[in-house]
Amino acid sequence: MHNMDERKGFRSNLGFLMAAIGSAVGLGNIWGFPFKMGRGGGFAFLLLYLLLTAVCGFVLLLSELALGRMTSSNGVMAYGAVSRRFRWVGWVTPVTAVLILSFYSALGGYCVKYLVLNVGSLLGAPWGAAGRDGATIFASLIGNQAESVIYGMIFLLLNLLIVMGGVSGGIERFCTVGMPALFVMLVIVIIRSCTLPGAAAGLRFMYAPNFEPLRQNFLDVLKTAGGQVFFSLSLAVGTMVTYGSYTDRRQSLTKNAAVIAACGALVGLLAGMAVLPAAFATGAPMEAMGGPDLLFITLQNVFGKMGPAGPIFGILFYALVTLAAASSSVSLLEVPVAYLTDRSRLLGRGDRRRRYTLWATLVAAVLCAVTCADGLGTNGLWVPFQRFFAGAERLPVFCESWLSFLDMIAEGLLMPLCGLLTCVMVGWDLGPDAIRREVELHGNRFASYGFYRFCVRYVTPLLMLFILWGQLKNFFGF
């Protein structure tokens, strides 16, 4: 009989950290952090973001890593192993992961396309971006359904190949090379962005103390910063539970959680320094600091104005974003694959990782193809509930496109709900002492236990509830 002891984890703690940081450092950091900082008032947003990373991000991250390691199980089975009442919450994780992977791959496909465009510009090829406005390029891409679908599938194929390679041979190997490369590329882009004429205004916006947004709109800034912490650390989607199950019991979970949370925050700050000074230097309005406009229009225009060096920095930036997106999306694909392979082992059927990776990818591919063909709502595809609100003055956000609809279900509802229920389960059903025992294995210290216990029981659930309310308010417009 095959059993769970056959599970193969990360070869080293460094490999685990690179994979976990890679999961956290996705589009949520490279793209989401700069535009949310722009909308949240710069320094005021940063202040709350760092505070919430400590009292919310670290606490939930540590809880998930400990749940995974103490049960040696995937997201679905881990919840069932520690609580009868909250067993069903585990089933939320693979569903959420596949939904996010679907629209994430559509955006990843756009990144691959822009990488190809900038290579074309460098080579002087007719299929390059030279001489074309960013808005024109993007409109042409999302309007071409076949091309969008092809690039989305290319991105998904990359994920399929990495995850098929296994935890150590695929994910760990990819992230151990990819994360240092990502940091190097990010630093190069930052140097160029911060040396553009007028870039200093962007740096002042980020770092010069300004508390006015907190006085004017404290709850909105708090909601935005809380949402960014939550989504940028890959929380409540099963990833960190799954990765935690692959870690060595001798490693310090508190140190690992602190390093992952700190690196997530650091990359967000670096992404802000790569994007906001460049956006300010070109006079991009704040309205352009959101949605796909920032990544695929504003920044492409920045590279277009850099002269002969523009395509080089365009290649570096879009390679960076593609790499960041892939390191996150492979962790999303691993969530359902881990459940299916663990279940197969328990039933005595062997590993079957390759088969289950293919199945999970095919499900995501169908939804990805629909999202790509929809073209962010520009191609006239039917979107669920759109007709229901047909007579309304303005459609709710989740009815605007397939991407918004999938995003609403996954990030708007399931993720914050799962995060909230995880805190309630750990704080009041399982008990924080169970996490303490796991963390303190092999003589590891848990110096912050008092802080952790108070937060997981009271502070973090309240913040999760607030984030859930903020997400629903954003998507439904009430």
Protein backbone atom coordinates (compact mmCIF):
# COMPACT_ATOMS: atom_id res chain seq x y z
CA MET A 1 0.00 0.00 0.00
CA HIS A 2 1.17 3.51 -0.79
CA ASN A 3 0.97 6.00 2.02
CA MET A 4 1.41 9.69 2.81
CA ASP A 5 5.04 9.12 3.88
CA GLU A 6 5.92 8.91 0.19
CA ARG A 7 5.24 12.62 -0.25
CA LYS A 8 8.37 14.35 -1.48
CA GLY A 9 8.93 17.87 -0.20
CA PHE A 10 11.48 20.62 -0.68
CA ARG A 11 15.13 19.58 -0.66
CA SER A 12 16.21 22.58 1.44
CA ASN A 13 14.78 25.39 3.52
CA LEU A 14 16.16 27.84 0.96
CA GLY A 15 14.17 26.06 -1.74
CA PHE A 16 11.03 26.27 0.39
CA LEU A 17 11.58 29.98 1.05
CA MET A 18 12.18 30.74 -2.62
CA ALA A 19 8.99 28.87 -3.58
CA ALA A 20 6.91 30.53 -0.83
CA ILE A 21 8.30 33.98 -1.65
CA GLY A 22 7.67 33.26 -5.33
CA SER A 23 4.05 32.42 -4.49
CA ALA A 24 3.71 35.72 -2.60
CA VAL A 25 5.57 37.78 -5.21
CA GLY A 26 3.09 37.69 -8.07
CA LEU A 27 1.01 40.22 -9.96
CA GLY A 28 -0.43 41.19 -6.55
CA ASN A 29 2.94 42.77 -5.71
CA ILE A 30 4.44 43.77 -9.05
CA TRP A 31 1.20 45.27 -10.37
CA GLY A 32 -1.26 45.46 -7.48
CA PHE A 33 0.98 47.21 -4.94
CA PRO A 34 1.92 50.24 -7.10
CA PHE A 35 -1.62 51.00 -8.29
CA LYS A 36 -3.16 50.46 -4.83
CA MET A 37 -0.50 52.70 -3.34
CA GLY A 38 -1.35 55.28 -5.99
CA ARG A 39 -5.05 55.08 -5.16
CA GLY A 40 -4.40 54.89 -1.39
CA GLY A 41 -2.45 58.13 -1.04
CA GLY A 42 1.18 56.95 -1.17
CA PHE A 43 2.82 57.19 2.25
CA ALA A 44 -0.49 56.80 4.14
CA PHE A 45 -1.14 53.51 2.36
CA LEU A 46 2.42 52.32 3.03
CA LEU A 47 2.10 53.00 6.76
CA LEU A 48 -1.06 50.94 7.13
CA TYR A 49 0.24 48.23 4.80
CA LEU A 50 3.33 47.60 6.95
CA LEU A 51 1.26 47.59 10.15
CA LEU A 52 -1.27 45.14 8.71
CA THR A 53 1.50 42.88 7.39
CA ALA A 54 2.54 42.35 11.01
CA VAL A 55 -0.86 41.94 12.69
CA CYS A 56 -2.66 40.18 9.85
CA GLY A 57 -0.31 38.82 7.18
CA PHE A 58 2.27 37.25 9.52
CA VAL A 59 -0.39 35.71 11.79
CA LEU A 60 -2.41 34.05 9.04
CA LEU A 61 0.73 32.99 7.16
CA LEU A 62 2.18 31.29 10.26
CA SER A 63 -1.16 29.59 10.97
CA GLU A 64 -1.34 28.13 7.45
CA LEU A 65 2.27 26.92 7.42
CA ALA A 66 1.78 25.25 10.80
CA LEU A 67 -1.51 23.61 9.72
CA GLY A 68 0.20 22.14 6.68
CA ARG A 69 3.24 20.87 8.54
CA MET A 70 1.37 19.40 11.53
CA THR A 71 -0.94 17.39 9.24
CA SER A 72 1.52 16.71 6.38
CA SER A 73 -1.50 17.30 4.17
CA ASN A 74 -2.79 19.47 1.37
CA GLY A 75 -5.31 22.26 1.98
CA VAL A 76 -8.40 20.06 1.73
CA MET A 77 -7.21 17.31 4.07
CA ALA A 78 -5.44 19.59 6.57
CA TYR A 79 -8.64 21.33 7.66
CA GLY A 80 -10.45 18.00 7.98
CA ALA A 81 -7.61 16.56 10.03
CA VAL A 82 -7.76 19.26 12.72
CA SER A 83 -11.47 20.19 12.89
CA ARG A 84 -14.80 18.55 12.15
CA ARG A 85 -16.68 21.85 12.18
CA PHE A 86 -14.36 23.53 9.68
CA ARG A 87 -13.64 20.52 7.45
CA TRP A 88 -15.68 22.03 4.60
CA VAL A 89 -13.45 25.15 4.54
CA GLY A 90 -10.65 23.01 3.12
CA TRP A 91 -12.71 22.35 -0.01
CA VAL A 92 -12.82 26.08 -0.69
CA THR A 93 -9.06 26.15 -1.34
CA PRO A 94 -8.71 24.12 -4.59
CA VAL A 95 -11.82 25.78 -6.05
CA THR A 96 -10.42 29.24 -5.29
CA ALA A 97 -6.97 28.28 -6.61
CA VAL A 98 -8.32 27.05 -9.98
CA LEU A 99 -10.53 30.14 -10.41
CA ILE A 100 -7.63 32.50 -9.72
CA LEU A 101 -5.28 30.46 -11.94
CA SER A 102 -7.79 30.83 -14.78
CA PHE A 103 -7.87 34.61 -14.96
CA TYR A 104 -4.28 34.93 -13.72
CA SER A 105 -3.19 32.96 -16.79
CA ALA A 106 -5.07 35.37 -19.06
CA LEU A 107 -3.08 38.26 -17.55
CA GLY A 108 0.10 36.15 -17.68
CA GLY A 109 -0.55 35.61 -21.37
CA TYR A 110 -0.76 39.38 -21.89
CA CYS A 111 2.64 39.70 -20.15
CA VAL A 112 4.16 37.11 -22.50
CA LYS A 113 2.73 39.01 -25.49
CA TYR A 114 4.29 42.29 -24.31
CA LEU A 115 7.61 40.55 -23.78
CA VAL A 116 7.44 39.35 -27.40
CA LEU A 117 6.45 42.85 -28.59
CA ASN A 118 9.47 44.46 -26.92
CA VAL A 119 11.80 41.80 -28.34
CA GLY A 120 10.34 42.70 -31.74
CA SER A 121 11.04 46.38 -31.11
CA LEU A 122 14.65 45.62 -30.16
CA LEU A 123 15.14 43.61 -33.35
CA GLY A 124 13.36 46.22 -35.47
CA ALA A 125 10.81 43.61 -36.55
CA PRO A 126 7.40 44.62 -37.94
CA TRP A 127 5.65 42.75 -35.10
CA GLY A 128 7.35 44.95 -32.48
CA ALA A 129 5.81 47.78 -30.46
CA ALA A 130 7.95 50.58 -31.96
CA GLY A 131 6.00 53.68 -32.96
CA ARG A 132 2.70 52.46 -31.54
CA ASP A 133 0.82 53.91 -28.59
CA GLY A 134 0.28 51.65 -25.57
CA ALA A 135 -3.50 52.03 -25.70
CA THR A 136 -3.59 51.02 -29.38
CA ILE A 137 -1.42 47.95 -28.73
CA PHE A 138 -3.57 46.79 -25.84
CA ALA A 139 -6.85 47.38 -27.64
CA SER A 140 -5.54 45.34 -30.57
CA LEU A 141 -4.50 42.48 -28.27
CA ILE A 142 -7.74 42.12 -26.29
CA GLY A 143 -9.75 42.56 -29.48
CA ASN A 144 -7.96 39.63 -31.12
CA GLN A 145 -9.61 36.66 -29.40
CA ALA A 146 -7.49 33.95 -31.02
CA GLU A 147 -4.19 35.65 -30.18
CA SER A 148 -5.26 36.30 -26.58
CA VAL A 149 -6.28 32.66 -26.09
CA ILE A 150 -3.01 31.38 -27.62
CA TYR A 151 -0.88 33.50 -25.26
CA GLY A 152 -3.00 32.46 -22.27
CA MET A 153 -2.44 28.80 -23.19
CA ILE A 154 1.32 29.37 -23.58
CA PHE A 155 1.43 30.73 -20.04
CA LEU A 156 -0.62 27.79 -18.71
CA LEU A 157 1.65 25.33 -20.54
CA LEU A 158 4.64 26.81 -18.68
CA ASN A 159 2.83 26.12 -15.39
CA LEU A 160 1.95 22.59 -16.47
CA LEU A 161 5.58 21.71 -17.25
CA ILE A 162 6.90 23.13 -13.97
CA VAL A 163 4.32 21.44 -11.71
CA MET A 164 4.67 18.11 -13.56
CA GLY A 165 8.32 18.18 -12.51
CA GLY A 166 7.26 17.77 -8.88
CA VAL A 167 7.85 19.81 -5.73
CA SER A 168 11.66 19.66 -5.65
CA GLY A 169 12.37 18.91 -9.32
CA GLY A 170 9.89 21.43 -10.72
CA ILE A 171 8.66 24.15 -8.35
CA GLU A 172 11.76 24.39 -6.12
CA ARG A 173 14.19 24.34 -9.06
CA PHE A 174 12.23 26.99 -10.97
CA CYS A 175 11.84 29.36 -7.98
CA THR A 176 15.44 28.93 -6.72
CA VAL A 177 16.66 30.31 -10.06
CA GLY A 178 13.72 32.56 -10.79
CA MET A 179 13.50 34.58 -7.55
CA PRO A 180 17.10 35.88 -7.54
CA ALA A 181 16.72 36.69 -11.26
CA LEU A 182 13.50 38.57 -10.47
CA PHE A 183 15.24 40.70 -7.82
CA VAL A 184 18.13 41.54 -10.18
CA MET A 185 15.76 42.58 -12.99
CA LEU A 186 13.66 44.60 -10.54
CA VAL A 187 16.70 46.54 -9.31
CA ILE A 188 17.78 47.33 -12.91
CA VAL A 189 14.30 48.64 -13.78
CA ILE A 190 14.22 50.68 -10.53
CA ILE A 191 17.52 52.38 -11.37
CA ARG A 192 16.22 53.43 -14.79
CA SER A 193 12.79 54.44 -13.47
CA CYS A 194 14.22 56.60 -10.68
CA THR A 195 16.66 58.40 -13.01
CA LEU A 196 13.95 59.59 -15.41
CA PRO A 197 13.34 63.38 -15.38
CA GLY A 198 10.52 64.10 -12.92
CA ALA A 199 10.79 60.71 -11.19
CA ALA A 200 11.53 62.35 -7.82
CA ALA A 201 7.85 63.29 -7.52
CA GLY A 202 6.96 59.60 -7.47
CA LEU A 203 9.49 58.88 -4.71
CA ARG A 204 8.18 61.81 -2.64
CA PHE A 205 4.66 60.46 -3.08
CA MET A 206 5.78 57.10 -1.72
CA TYR A 207 8.03 58.13 1.17
CA ALA A 208 7.35 61.74 2.21
CA PRO A 209 5.14 61.65 5.36
CA ASN A 210 1.58 62.59 4.41
CA PHE A 211 -1.29 61.73 6.75
CA GLU A 212 -3.99 63.69 4.92
CA PRO A 213 -5.48 60.60 3.18
CA LEU A 214 -5.90 58.98 6.63
CA ARG A 215 -7.80 62.03 7.92
CA GLN A 216 -9.99 62.20 4.83
CA ASN A 217 -10.63 58.52 4.05
CA PHE A 218 -9.16 56.31 6.78
CA LEU A 219 -11.50 53.35 6.22
CA ASP A 220 -10.94 53.29 2.46
CA VAL A 221 -7.14 53.37 2.85
CA LEU A 222 -7.34 50.67 5.54
CA LYS A 223 -9.53 48.48 3.32
CA THR A 224 -7.15 48.91 0.36
CA ALA A 225 -4.02 48.21 2.41
CA GLY A 226 -5.66 45.22 4.15
CA GLY A 227 -6.72 43.72 0.85
CA GLN A 228 -3.21 44.15 -0.56
CA VAL A 229 -1.60 42.38 2.42
CA PHE A 230 -4.09 39.55 2.14
CA PHE A 231 -3.76 38.96 -1.59
CA SER A 232 -0.04 39.65 -1.95
CA LEU A 233 0.97 36.88 0.49
CA SER A 234 -1.06 34.08 -1.17
CA LEU A 235 -3.19 33.66 1.94
CA ALA A 236 -6.40 31.62 2.27
CA VAL A 237 -6.05 29.82 -1.04
CA GLY A 238 -4.38 26.63 0.22
CA THR A 239 -0.91 27.45 -1.11
CA MET A 240 0.81 28.09 2.20
CA VAL A 241 -0.91 25.10 3.84
CA THR A 242 0.32 22.91 0.96
CA TYR A 243 3.86 24.35 0.98
CA GLY A 244 3.92 24.05 4.78
CA SER A 245 3.21 20.33 4.43
CA TYR A 246 6.41 19.93 2.38
CA THR A 247 8.71 21.59 4.96
CA ASP A 248 11.20 19.97 7.32
CA ARG A 249 10.02 19.77 10.97
CA ARG A 250 13.38 21.07 12.21
CA GLN A 251 12.94 24.44 10.50
CA SER A 252 11.68 27.49 12.41
CA LEU A 253 8.20 28.36 11.14
CA THR A 254 8.22 31.78 12.83
CA LYS A 255 11.45 32.77 11.06
CA ASN A 256 10.18 31.44 7.74
CA ALA A 257 6.83 33.24 8.09
CA ALA A 258 8.62 36.48 9.02
CA VAL A 259 11.01 36.17 6.04
CA ILE A 260 8.15 35.47 3.58
CA ALA A 261 6.04 38.37 4.91
CA ALA A 262 9.04 40.74 4.89
CA CYS A 263 10.04 39.74 1.35
CA GLY A 264 6.46 40.18 0.15
CA ALA A 265 6.44 43.71 1.59
CA LEU A 266 9.93 44.44 0.23
CA VAL A 267 9.06 43.37 -3.32
CA GLY A 268 5.89 45.46 -3.13
CA LEU A 269 7.99 48.50 -2.20
CA LEU A 270 10.52 47.75 -4.94
CA ALA A 271 7.70 47.34 -7.46
CA GLY A 272 6.37 50.72 -6.35
CA MET A 273 9.80 52.24 -6.95
CA ALA A 274 9.95 50.62 -10.39
CA VAL A 275 6.50 51.79 -11.46
CA LEU A 276 5.39 54.98 -9.67
CA PRO A 277 8.42 57.22 -10.42
CA ALA A 278 8.14 56.23 -14.10
CA ALA A 279 4.40 56.93 -14.10
CA PHE A 280 4.92 60.33 -12.44
CA ALA A 281 7.77 61.14 -14.84
CA THR A 282 5.46 60.71 -17.84
CA GLY A 283 2.62 62.61 -16.18
CA ALA A 284 0.27 59.62 -16.05
CA PRO A 285 -2.97 60.59 -14.27
CA MET A 286 -4.04 58.77 -11.10
CA GLU A 287 -6.99 57.33 -13.01
CA ALA A 288 -4.47 55.31 -15.02
CA MET A 289 -3.02 53.81 -11.84
CA GLY A 290 -5.41 50.90 -11.85
CA GLY A 291 -6.61 47.91 -13.78
CA PRO A 292 -4.61 46.74 -16.78
CA ASP A 293 -3.98 50.34 -17.88
CA LEU A 294 -0.98 50.74 -15.59
CA LEU A 295 0.79 47.56 -16.67
CA PHE A 296 -0.06 47.40 -20.37
CA ILE A 297 -0.63 51.02 -21.42
CA THR A 298 1.08 53.50 -19.07
CA LEU A 299 4.31 51.53 -18.65
CA GLN A 300 4.52 50.51 -22.30
CA ASN A 301 4.28 54.22 -23.14
CA VAL A 302 7.12 54.88 -20.66
CA PHE A 303 9.33 52.37 -22.48
CA GLY A 304 8.28 53.83 -25.81
CA LYS A 305 9.61 57.25 -24.73
CA MET A 306 13.02 55.94 -23.63
CA GLY A 307 14.44 55.90 -27.15
CA PRO A 308 16.77 53.04 -28.24
CA ALA A 309 17.05 51.73 -24.65
CA GLY A 310 13.26 51.48 -24.31
CA PRO A 311 12.85 47.96 -25.74
CA ILE A 312 15.66 46.64 -23.49
CA PHE A 313 13.92 47.92 -20.36
CA GLY A 314 10.59 46.75 -21.78
CA ILE A 315 12.00 43.23 -22.18
CA LEU A 316 13.44 43.29 -18.65
CA PHE A 317 10.20 44.57 -17.11
CA TYR A 318 7.80 42.20 -18.87
CA ALA A 319 10.17 39.26 -18.31
CA LEU A 320 10.13 40.24 -14.64
CA VAL A 321 6.33 40.41 -14.52
CA THR A 322 5.97 37.11 -16.42
CA LEU A 323 8.39 35.44 -14.00
CA ALA A 324 6.55 36.85 -10.97
CA ALA A 325 3.20 35.73 -12.39
CA ALA A 326 4.52 32.22 -13.10
CA SER A 327 6.01 31.77 -9.61
CA SER A 328 2.56 32.53 -8.16
CA SER A 329 0.52 30.55 -10.65
CA VAL A 330 2.54 27.34 -10.20
CA SER A 331 1.70 27.51 -6.49
CA LEU A 332 -1.99 27.88 -7.38
CA LEU A 333 -1.84 24.83 -9.66
CA GLU A 334 -0.07 22.85 -6.94
CA VAL A 335 -3.09 23.25 -4.59
CA PRO A 336 -5.53 20.97 -6.50
CA VAL A 337 -2.67 18.73 -7.72
CA ALA A 338 -1.47 18.16 -4.14
CA TYR A 339 -4.97 17.14 -3.03
CA LEU A 340 -5.48 14.74 -5.94
CA THR A 341 -2.04 13.11 -5.62
CA ASP A 342 -2.37 12.75 -1.82
CA ARG A 343 -5.80 11.17 -2.26
CA SER A 344 -4.42 8.82 -4.90
CA ARG A 345 -1.64 7.69 -2.54
CA LEU A 346 -4.09 7.07 0.30
CA LEU A 347 -6.20 4.90 -2.01
CA GLY A 348 -3.11 2.91 -2.99
CA ARG A 349 -3.06 4.08 -6.60
CA GLY A 350 0.38 5.65 -6.58
CA ASP A 351 1.44 9.22 -7.25
CA ARG A 352 -0.19 10.04 -10.62
CA ARG A 353 1.09 13.64 -10.41
CA ARG A 354 1.44 14.07 -14.17
CA ARG A 355 -2.13 12.91 -14.83
CA TYR A 356 -3.66 15.15 -12.15
CA THR A 357 -1.58 18.15 -13.19
CA LEU A 358 -2.98 17.74 -16.70
CA TRP A 359 -6.57 17.45 -15.42
CA ALA A 360 -6.33 20.55 -13.22
CA THR A 361 -4.67 22.51 -16.03
CA LEU A 362 -7.42 21.54 -18.50
CA VAL A 363 -10.13 22.86 -16.14
CA ALA A 364 -8.21 26.13 -15.72
CA ALA A 365 -7.59 26.26 -19.50
CA VAL A 366 -11.32 26.27 -20.29
CA LEU A 367 -12.01 29.21 -17.97
CA CYS A 368 -8.82 30.94 -19.13
CA ALA A 369 -9.89 30.64 -22.78
CA VAL A 370 -13.29 32.19 -21.98
CA THR A 371 -11.60 35.02 -20.05
CA CYS A 372 -9.17 35.69 -22.91
CA ALA A 373 -11.92 35.58 -25.54
CA ASP A 374 -13.98 38.02 -23.47
CA GLY A 375 -11.20 40.60 -23.77
CA LEU A 376 -11.99 42.36 -20.47
CA GLY A 377 -15.61 42.74 -21.56
CA THR A 378 -14.87 44.35 -24.94
CA ASN A 379 -15.84 41.44 -27.22
CA GLY A 380 -19.52 41.09 -26.35
CA LEU A 381 -19.40 37.69 -24.62
CA TRP A 382 -22.19 36.80 -22.22
CA VAL A 383 -21.15 37.39 -18.60
CA PRO A 384 -23.14 35.79 -15.74
CA PHE A 385 -25.73 38.12 -14.14
CA GLN A 386 -25.06 40.84 -16.74
CA ARG A 387 -28.62 40.71 -18.10
CA PHE A 388 -30.03 40.81 -14.58
CA PHE A 389 -28.54 44.31 -14.16
CA ALA A 390 -29.18 45.36 -17.79
CA GLY A 391 -31.53 48.20 -16.82
CA ALA A 392 -29.23 49.57 -14.13
CA GLU A 393 -27.54 52.93 -14.53
CA ARG A 394 -24.17 51.27 -14.00
CA LEU A 395 -23.25 47.57 -14.04
CA PRO A 396 -21.72 46.17 -10.84
CA VAL A 397 -17.98 45.57 -11.30
CA PHE A 398 -18.35 41.77 -11.35
CA CYS A 399 -20.69 41.97 -14.37
CA GLU A 400 -18.27 43.95 -16.52
CA SER A 401 -16.17 41.00 -17.71
CA TRP A 402 -15.39 37.33 -17.12
CA LEU A 403 -12.17 38.34 -15.39
CA SER A 404 -14.11 40.54 -12.93
CA PHE A 405 -16.71 37.79 -12.39
CA LEU A 406 -14.09 35.12 -11.56
CA ASP A 407 -12.17 37.64 -9.47
CA MET A 408 -15.32 38.47 -7.49
CA ILE A 409 -15.99 34.81 -6.62
CA ALA A 410 -12.37 33.98 -5.75
CA GLU A 411 -10.73 37.11 -4.35
CA GLY A 412 -13.88 39.00 -3.49
CA LEU A 413 -15.68 36.27 -1.56
CA LEU A 414 -13.92 32.92 -1.10
CA MET A 415 -10.43 34.13 -0.08
CA PRO A 416 -11.43 36.60 2.66
CA LEU A 417 -14.12 34.16 3.87
CA CYS A 418 -11.57 31.34 4.08
CA GLY A 419 -9.10 33.65 5.87
CA LEU A 420 -11.73 34.68 8.40
CA LEU A 421 -12.81 31.09 9.08
CA THR A 422 -9.19 29.91 9.35
CA CYS A 423 -8.59 32.47 12.11
CA VAL A 424 -11.79 31.45 13.91
CA MET A 425 -10.85 27.77 13.61
CA VAL A 426 -7.28 28.27 14.86
CA GLY A 427 -8.24 30.81 17.53
CA TRP A 428 -11.30 29.14 19.01
CA ASP A 429 -11.73 25.54 17.78
CA LEU A 430 -8.26 24.04 17.33
CA GLY A 431 -6.69 26.52 19.76
CA PRO A 432 -3.52 28.62 19.40
CA ASP A 433 -1.65 26.19 21.68
CA ALA A 434 -1.75 23.56 18.92
CA ILE A 435 0.07 25.99 16.62
CA ARG A 436 2.50 26.75 19.45
CA ARG A 437 3.37 23.06 19.89
CA GLU A 438 4.06 22.70 16.15
CA VAL A 439 6.17 25.86 16.01
CA GLU A 440 8.26 24.86 19.05
CA LEU A 441 9.26 21.43 17.70
CA HIS A 442 13.00 20.59 17.95
CA GLY A 443 13.63 23.43 20.41
CA ASN A 444 12.51 26.28 18.15
CA ARG A 445 11.37 29.34 20.10
CA PHE A 446 8.03 31.13 19.71
CA ALA A 447 8.87 34.44 21.39
CA SER A 448 5.92 36.22 19.78
CA TYR A 449 3.33 33.68 20.98
CA GLY A 450 1.43 36.18 23.17
CA PHE A 451 1.17 38.60 20.25
CA TYR A 452 0.17 35.76 17.90
CA ARG A 453 -2.51 34.41 20.27
CA PHE A 454 -4.13 37.81 20.76
CA CYS A 455 -4.09 38.61 17.05
CA VAL A 456 -5.39 35.24 15.78
CA ARG A 457 -8.29 35.35 18.24
CA TYR A 458 -9.33 39.01 18.06
CA VAL A 459 -7.43 41.36 15.75
CA THR A 460 -6.96 39.29 12.58
CA PRO A 461 -10.58 37.97 12.38
CA LEU A 462 -11.90 41.52 12.70
CA LEU A 463 -9.57 42.67 9.92
CA MET A 464 -10.64 39.69 7.77
CA LEU A 465 -14.27 40.65 8.32
CA PHE A 466 -13.50 44.22 7.33
CA ILE A 467 -11.61 43.11 4.21
CA LEU A 468 -14.52 40.83 3.23
CA TRP A 469 -16.93 43.74 3.59
CA GLY A 470 -14.60 46.00 1.58
CA GLN A 471 -14.29 43.47 -1.24
CA LEU A 472 -18.05 42.93 -1.46
CA LYS A 473 -18.62 46.68 -1.41
CA ASN A 474 -16.11 47.11 -4.23
CA PHE A 475 -17.56 44.36 -6.44
CA PHE A 476 -21.25 45.01 -5.79
CA GLY A 477 -21.02 48.79 -5.49
CA PHE A 478 -23.13 49.20 -2.35
